[in-house]
Amino acid sequence: MSLSSITTQEHSIDDSRHGYSMHDWNRFSQNLRDLSAQQFVQVTAEELAKHSVESDAWTSMRGIVYNITPFLKYHPGGKRQLMRAAGKETSLFNKVCGILYI
């Protein structure tokens, strides 16, 4: 088994992508605009479904919508895994990640 790739039953983690580790994400995300003070808006399932491509990916978990586009290239399981949740309400986070990122 390669040290740069760990495979579990659920997904694989590829840390061979230089510059896209969780450490890099933490550094990058510090420069993102804080939207926590913004007014919340209702997002319908139809609107959420429109955001299901790599250039514009949203997902909803526990009733909260997230723009996951900036995180796609940093996701430990790779873009493909995260895109499984794009454009829809998902419970995949709980099934795959559990409490890893909470």
Protein backbone atom coordinates (compact mmCIF):
# COMPACT_ATOMS: atom_id res chain seq x y z
CA MET A 1 0.00 0.00 0.00
CA SER A 2 1.27 3.45 -0.93
CA LEU A 3 1.74 5.96 1.86
CA SER A 4 0.16 8.61 -0.36
CA SER A 5 -3.15 6.78 -0.65
CA ILE A 6 -5.30 5.25 2.06
CA THR A 7 -8.36 3.31 0.97
CA THR A 8 -11.28 2.51 3.23
CA GLN A 9 -14.52 0.74 2.41
CA GLU A 10 -16.24 4.09 1.93
CA HIS A 11 -13.70 6.21 0.03
CA SER A 12 -10.05 6.80 -0.63
CA ILE A 13 -7.89 9.65 0.62
CA ASP A 14 -5.26 10.89 -1.80
CA ASP A 15 -2.69 13.18 -0.21
CA SER A 16 -0.42 13.19 -3.26
CA ARG A 17 -2.05 16.35 -4.66
CA HIS A 18 0.59 18.90 -3.63
CA GLY A 19 -0.95 22.19 -2.52
CA TYR A 20 -4.43 20.80 -1.90
CA SER A 21 -4.20 19.26 1.57
CA MET A 22 -6.53 20.10 4.45
CA HIS A 23 -3.76 22.37 5.76
CA ASP A 24 -3.80 24.22 2.43
CA TRP A 25 -7.61 24.48 2.60
CA ASN A 26 -7.41 25.97 6.10
CA ARG A 27 -4.93 28.58 4.89
CA PHE A 28 -6.98 29.32 1.75
CA SER A 29 -10.31 29.53 3.58
CA GLN A 30 -9.01 32.18 5.98
CA ASN A 31 -9.11 34.57 3.03
CA LEU A 32 -12.71 33.79 2.07
CA ARG A 33 -15.37 36.37 2.80
CA ASP A 34 -17.26 35.65 6.03
CA LEU A 35 -20.93 35.32 5.17
CA SER A 36 -22.12 34.45 8.67
CA ALA A 37 -23.65 37.89 9.24
CA GLN A 38 -25.52 37.83 5.93
CA GLN A 39 -29.27 37.50 5.78
CA PHE A 40 -30.44 33.95 5.15
CA VAL A 41 -32.68 33.18 2.18
CA GLN A 42 -34.87 30.20 1.44
CA VAL A 43 -33.46 27.89 -1.23
CA THR A 44 -35.94 25.57 -2.91
CA ALA A 45 -35.05 22.06 -4.03
CA GLU A 46 -35.42 23.28 -7.61
CA GLU A 47 -32.90 26.11 -7.05
CA LEU A 48 -30.49 23.77 -5.25
CA ALA A 49 -30.65 21.33 -8.19
CA LYS A 50 -29.39 24.08 -10.55
CA HIS A 51 -26.06 24.12 -8.67
CA SER A 52 -24.77 20.66 -9.50
CA VAL A 53 -21.71 21.23 -11.69
CA GLU A 54 -18.04 21.60 -10.69
CA SER A 55 -18.02 25.32 -11.51
CA ASP A 56 -21.10 25.95 -9.32
CA ALA A 57 -21.74 23.28 -6.69
CA TRP A 58 -24.06 23.63 -3.72
CA THR A 59 -25.29 21.01 -1.30
CA SER A 60 -27.63 20.99 1.65
CA MET A 61 -26.95 19.21 4.93
CA ARG A 62 -29.27 19.29 7.90
CA GLY A 63 -31.34 22.02 6.18
CA ILE A 64 -28.42 24.40 5.57
CA VAL A 65 -27.18 25.09 2.04
CA TYR A 66 -23.44 25.23 1.43
CA ASN A 67 -21.52 26.45 -1.61
CA ILE A 68 -18.97 23.64 -1.89
CA THR A 69 -17.35 24.93 -5.10
CA PRO A 70 -14.18 26.36 -3.45
CA PHE A 71 -13.65 23.14 -1.44
CA LEU A 72 -13.88 20.69 -4.37
CA LYS A 73 -10.16 20.51 -5.11
CA TYR A 74 -9.29 20.25 -1.41
CA HIS A 75 -11.69 17.45 -0.48
CA PRO A 76 -9.67 14.50 0.90
CA GLY A 77 -11.76 11.99 -1.04
CA GLY A 78 -11.45 13.94 -4.28
CA LYS A 79 -13.85 16.02 -6.35
CA ARG A 80 -15.82 13.02 -7.57
CA GLN A 81 -16.83 12.03 -4.06
CA LEU A 82 -17.95 15.54 -3.11
CA MET A 83 -19.83 15.99 -6.39
CA ARG A 84 -22.06 13.06 -5.37
CA ALA A 85 -23.76 15.55 -3.04
CA ALA A 86 -23.88 18.53 -5.41
CA GLY A 87 -27.30 19.94 -6.18
CA LYS A 88 -29.21 18.03 -3.52
CA GLU A 89 -29.97 17.52 0.15
CA THR A 90 -27.60 14.85 1.36
CA SER A 91 -26.88 12.62 4.27
CA LEU A 92 -23.67 11.35 2.62
CA PHE A 93 -21.59 13.50 4.96
CA ASN A 94 -22.84 11.56 7.97
CA LYS A 95 -22.49 8.20 6.21
CA VAL A 96 -18.97 8.74 4.85
CA CYS A 97 -17.27 11.31 7.05
CA GLY A 98 -19.06 10.78 10.33
CA ILE A 99 -17.60 13.16 12.89
CA LEU A 100 -14.27 13.74 11.13
CA TYR A 101 -14.95 17.35 10.12
CA ILE A 102 -17.62 18.48 12.56
